[in-house]
Amino acid sequence: QKTTCIESAMILPLQVCAQLCRRPCYCPWVPPRCPRGSPLVLDGCGCCKICARRLGEPCDFLHVCDQSQGLICDYSTVPMGTGATCNFEDDEEGCEVNGRVYRDGEVFQPSCKLQCRCLDGGFTCVPLCQEDVRLPTPDCPYPRRVEVPGKCCPEWICEARDRHLLQDAGAAPGAVSRPYPCQEWGTEWSACSATCGVGFSTRVSNQNRYCRLETQRRLCMARPCPALPAASP
């Protein structure tokens, strides 16, 4: 157990180790209960079991960081022995995107359309915009996705149809008219998503301004949820 102080001499002077690490050890009979994600480890003196400090938590020679997560007590930005926090090692593998370095496991958004995660020196991304595909229909034979000012994700438009609708709206404000025949169609509403309390049901229908098939939702409640039993005194 003396090797603990010897190995730590690179961080703390030997006389400091001697003051902190007293023998024999006096530890609590019952080990502490650690929060989720914080394992029980030996303190810096190798004497008593303590809860390992997690990322961003304060640390010192006695209160060690969780080494299983690659954490060390970082004194780089503070005077020796004061205000240190648990941080990743400098040589930990990360990834660089657009000139910025991200740590392994860090989640970031290089743009409003993507959410990425740094992993093992590379990164994986998932789109934040819906990648739906709209097929041509009689009322919209040439659908096209365009960028809309002020919005991140592109939207589908039908230029010819929208022009007719604008003309009709100018002639009769507030009226909903279609320059083409539209036979209404839709599926039945699905069962409520919740067995009790408020949920939602869905259907596919073209009963909208543009006579376009879309998934519609509405709130539903199959039955009220039973009241929780009152707590006994």
Protein backbone atom coordinates (compact mmCIF):
# COMPACT_ATOMS: atom_id res chain seq x y z
CA GLN A 1 0.00 0.00 0.00
CA LYS A 2 2.99 2.32 0.38
CA THR A 3 3.47 2.14 -3.37
CA THR A 4 0.35 4.27 -3.78
CA CYS A 5 2.10 7.33 -2.38
CA ILE A 6 5.30 6.51 -4.27
CA GLU A 7 3.46 6.25 -7.56
CA SER A 8 1.67 9.52 -6.81
CA ALA A 9 4.88 11.42 -6.14
CA MET A 10 4.71 12.75 -9.70
CA ILE A 11 1.53 14.59 -8.71
CA LEU A 12 1.95 15.33 -4.98
CA PRO A 13 5.12 15.69 -2.92
CA LEU A 14 6.02 12.71 -0.71
CA GLN A 15 5.52 14.72 2.48
CA VAL A 16 1.92 15.49 1.39
CA CYS A 17 1.32 11.79 0.78
CA ALA A 18 2.67 10.98 4.22
CA GLN A 19 0.28 13.47 5.80
CA LEU A 20 -2.78 12.19 3.91
CA CYS A 21 -2.08 8.46 4.11
CA ARG A 22 -2.03 7.53 7.78
CA ARG A 23 -1.64 4.01 9.09
CA PRO A 24 -3.40 2.02 10.29
CA CYS A 25 -6.52 2.63 8.20
CA TYR A 26 -9.71 3.70 9.93
CA CYS A 27 -12.62 3.03 7.61
CA PRO A 28 -16.41 2.93 8.17
CA TRP A 29 -17.82 -0.53 8.87
CA VAL A 30 -20.39 -0.11 6.10
CA PRO A 31 -19.13 0.99 2.65
CA PRO A 32 -20.88 4.06 1.21
CA ARG A 33 -23.83 3.68 -1.17
CA CYS A 34 -22.75 5.09 -4.52
CA PRO A 35 -25.00 6.79 -7.10
CA ARG A 36 -25.71 4.98 -10.35
CA GLY A 37 -22.62 4.84 -12.57
CA SER A 38 -20.14 5.42 -9.72
CA PRO A 39 -18.33 2.22 -8.63
CA LEU A 40 -16.70 1.51 -5.27
CA VAL A 41 -12.92 1.95 -5.45
CA LEU A 42 -10.02 2.36 -3.03
CA ASP A 43 -9.11 5.91 -2.13
CA GLY A 44 -5.81 7.48 -3.18
CA CYS A 45 -4.04 5.94 -0.19
CA GLY A 46 -5.30 2.46 -1.04
CA CYS A 47 -6.96 2.38 2.35
CA CYS A 48 -10.77 2.77 2.41
CA LYS A 49 -13.44 2.14 -0.21
CA ILE A 50 -15.08 5.27 -1.61
CA CYS A 51 -17.36 6.18 -4.51
CA ALA A 52 -15.36 6.99 -7.62
CA ARG A 53 -15.82 10.54 -8.85
CA ARG A 54 -17.49 10.98 -12.24
CA LEU A 55 -16.89 13.33 -15.17
CA GLY A 56 -16.90 16.97 -14.06
CA GLU A 57 -17.01 16.19 -10.33
CA PRO A 58 -14.36 17.61 -7.96
CA CYS A 59 -11.45 15.36 -7.08
CA ASP A 60 -8.15 15.34 -5.20
CA PHE A 61 -5.49 12.85 -4.12
CA LEU A 62 -7.85 10.98 -1.80
CA HIS A 63 -11.06 11.25 -3.82
CA VAL A 64 -10.07 9.52 -7.04
CA CYS A 65 -11.83 9.52 -10.41
CA ASP A 66 -13.39 6.53 -12.15
CA GLN A 67 -10.45 5.09 -14.07
CA SER A 68 -12.70 2.50 -15.74
CA GLN A 69 -14.22 5.41 -17.69
CA GLY A 70 -10.80 6.78 -18.63
CA LEU A 71 -11.02 9.68 -16.16
CA ILE A 72 -8.15 11.36 -14.35
CA CYS A 73 -7.99 14.18 -11.81
CA ASP A 74 -7.22 17.19 -13.99
CA TYR A 75 -5.06 19.87 -12.32
CA SER A 76 -4.11 21.54 -15.62
CA THR A 77 -6.18 24.71 -15.16
CA VAL A 78 -5.91 25.17 -11.36
CA PRO A 79 -3.16 25.49 -8.74
CA MET A 80 -1.79 22.19 -7.47
CA GLY A 81 -4.18 20.42 -5.11
CA THR A 82 -7.10 22.86 -5.40
CA GLY A 83 -10.22 22.88 -7.54
CA ALA A 84 -9.32 19.88 -9.72
CA THR A 85 -12.07 18.02 -11.59
CA CYS A 86 -12.41 14.62 -13.21
CA ASN A 87 -11.71 14.80 -16.91
CA PHE A 88 -10.68 12.58 -19.82
CA GLU A 89 -7.01 12.00 -20.48
CA ASP A 90 -5.45 14.30 -23.04
CA ASP A 91 -4.40 11.40 -25.25
CA GLU A 92 -7.92 9.97 -25.44
CA GLU A 93 -9.03 9.32 -28.97
CA GLY A 94 -11.45 11.91 -30.31
CA CYS A 95 -12.60 13.18 -33.67
CA GLU A 96 -12.25 16.45 -35.55
CA VAL A 97 -15.14 17.94 -37.53
CA ASN A 98 -14.95 21.33 -39.28
CA GLY A 99 -11.83 22.25 -37.34
CA ARG A 100 -13.32 21.44 -33.93
CA VAL A 101 -12.23 18.47 -31.78
CA TYR A 102 -14.88 16.43 -29.95
CA ARG A 103 -14.23 13.87 -27.22
CA ASP A 104 -15.08 10.21 -27.61
CA GLY A 105 -18.79 9.73 -26.86
CA GLU A 106 -19.66 13.43 -27.22
CA VAL A 107 -22.89 14.27 -29.09
CA PHE A 108 -22.88 17.37 -31.31
CA GLN A 109 -24.78 19.04 -34.18
CA PRO A 110 -22.60 20.24 -37.06
CA SER A 111 -25.77 21.68 -38.63
CA CYS A 112 -29.47 21.91 -37.88
CA LYS A 113 -30.05 18.91 -40.17
CA LEU A 114 -27.67 16.46 -38.48
CA GLN A 115 -26.95 15.11 -35.01
CA CYS A 116 -23.64 13.28 -34.69
CA ARG A 117 -21.70 11.32 -32.09
CA CYS A 118 -17.93 10.97 -31.82
CA LEU A 119 -16.95 7.30 -31.51
CA ASP A 120 -13.53 5.63 -31.65
CA GLY A 121 -11.87 8.37 -33.64
CA GLY A 122 -14.70 8.69 -36.16
CA PHE A 123 -18.28 9.89 -36.00
CA THR A 124 -21.76 8.72 -36.96
CA CYS A 125 -24.69 10.99 -37.78
CA VAL A 126 -28.48 10.70 -38.00
CA PRO A 127 -30.66 13.14 -39.99
CA LEU A 128 -32.97 15.45 -38.04
CA CYS A 129 -35.12 16.19 -41.12
CA GLN A 130 -37.66 13.66 -42.36
CA GLU A 131 -36.44 11.84 -45.44
CA ASP A 132 -39.93 11.11 -46.78
CA VAL A 133 -40.48 10.53 -50.49
CA ARG A 134 -43.50 11.95 -52.28
CA LEU A 135 -44.59 10.17 -55.44
CA PRO A 136 -46.33 11.97 -58.32
CA THR A 137 -50.13 12.09 -58.10
CA PRO A 138 -52.79 13.42 -60.50
CA ASP A 139 -53.09 16.62 -58.47
CA CYS A 140 -49.30 16.97 -58.13
CA PRO A 141 -47.53 15.38 -61.10
CA TYR A 142 -44.20 17.15 -60.40
CA PRO A 143 -43.52 17.32 -56.65
CA ARG A 144 -40.31 19.06 -55.66
CA ARG A 145 -38.48 19.68 -52.39
CA VAL A 146 -37.30 23.24 -51.85
CA GLU A 147 -35.51 25.14 -49.12
CA VAL A 148 -37.89 27.40 -47.21
CA PRO A 149 -36.47 30.67 -45.81
CA GLY A 150 -36.37 30.57 -42.03
CA LYS A 151 -36.75 26.78 -41.86
CA CYS A 152 -34.00 24.19 -41.58
CA CYS A 153 -35.65 21.24 -43.32
CA PRO A 154 -36.80 21.39 -46.97
CA GLU A 155 -40.49 20.95 -47.80
CA TRP A 156 -42.44 19.45 -50.68
CA ILE A 157 -44.27 21.83 -53.02
CA CYS A 158 -46.29 21.62 -56.23
CA GLU A 159 -45.73 24.88 -58.05
CA ALA A 160 -48.69 24.69 -60.47
CA ARG A 161 -51.13 23.64 -57.76
CA ASP A 162 -49.93 26.26 -55.29
CA ARG A 163 -50.28 29.01 -57.93
CA HIS A 164 -53.93 28.09 -58.51
CA LEU A 165 -54.59 28.03 -54.79
CA LEU A 166 -53.07 31.48 -54.37
CA GLN A 167 -55.30 32.83 -57.13
CA ASP A 168 -58.39 31.26 -55.58
CA ALA A 169 -57.45 32.58 -52.14
CA GLY A 170 -57.12 36.10 -53.57
CA ALA A 171 -60.56 35.89 -55.16
CA ALA A 172 -62.30 34.47 -52.08
CA PRO A 173 -60.36 35.01 -48.84
CA GLY A 174 -60.72 32.17 -46.37
CA ALA A 175 -62.34 29.81 -48.89
CA VAL A 176 -60.82 26.36 -49.43
CA SER A 177 -61.15 25.42 -53.09
CA ARG A 178 -59.35 22.92 -55.29
CA PRO A 179 -58.70 23.46 -59.00
CA TYR A 180 -58.99 19.69 -59.56
CA PRO A 181 -61.47 16.96 -58.61
CA CYS A 182 -60.64 15.28 -55.32
CA GLN A 183 -62.33 12.10 -54.16
CA GLU A 184 -62.00 11.94 -50.40
CA TRP A 185 -60.42 8.76 -49.03
CA GLY A 186 -59.21 7.62 -45.64
CA THR A 187 -58.69 4.64 -43.37
CA GLU A 188 -60.48 4.02 -40.10
CA TRP A 189 -59.05 5.55 -36.95
CA SER A 190 -56.70 3.14 -35.18
CA ALA A 191 -57.18 1.92 -31.63
CA CYS A 192 -56.14 4.31 -28.88
CA SER A 193 -52.44 4.10 -28.05
CA ALA A 194 -53.15 4.08 -24.31
CA THR A 195 -55.33 1.50 -22.55
CA CYS A 196 -56.33 4.15 -20.00
CA GLY A 197 -55.95 7.89 -19.84
CA VAL A 198 -55.22 10.17 -22.77
CA GLY A 199 -53.54 8.67 -25.86
CA PHE A 200 -53.76 9.16 -29.59
CA SER A 201 -55.09 7.31 -32.62
CA THR A 202 -53.98 7.64 -36.24
CA ARG A 203 -55.36 7.26 -39.73
CA VAL A 204 -54.26 7.90 -43.31
CA SER A 205 -56.51 10.34 -45.17
CA ASN A 206 -56.54 12.91 -47.97
CA GLN A 207 -59.13 15.11 -46.24
CA ASN A 208 -56.97 18.22 -46.14
CA ARG A 209 -56.46 21.44 -48.12
CA TYR A 210 -54.24 19.82 -50.73
CA CYS A 211 -56.05 16.48 -51.08
CA ARG A 212 -52.79 14.74 -50.26
CA LEU A 213 -52.44 11.46 -48.37
CA GLU A 214 -51.06 12.12 -44.92
CA THR A 215 -51.00 10.52 -41.48
CA GLN A 216 -53.39 12.31 -39.14
CA ARG A 217 -53.55 12.08 -35.34
CA ARG A 218 -56.18 12.90 -32.76
CA LEU A 219 -56.40 12.57 -29.00
CA CYS A 220 -58.44 9.71 -27.54
CA MET A 221 -59.21 8.12 -24.20
CA ALA A 222 -60.41 4.52 -23.94
CA ARG A 223 -61.23 4.88 -20.24
CA PRO A 224 -60.00 6.87 -17.24
CA CYS A 225 -57.06 5.39 -15.37
CA PRO A 226 -57.90 3.98 -11.91
CA ALA A 227 -56.92 6.21 -9.02
CA LEU A 228 -53.80 5.20 -7.12
CA PRO A 229 -54.50 3.74 -3.66
CA ALA A 230 -53.97 6.17 -0.84
CA ALA A 231 -50.73 5.66 1.06
CA SER A 232 -51.20 4.02 4.47
CA PRO A 233 -50.08 6.08 7.48
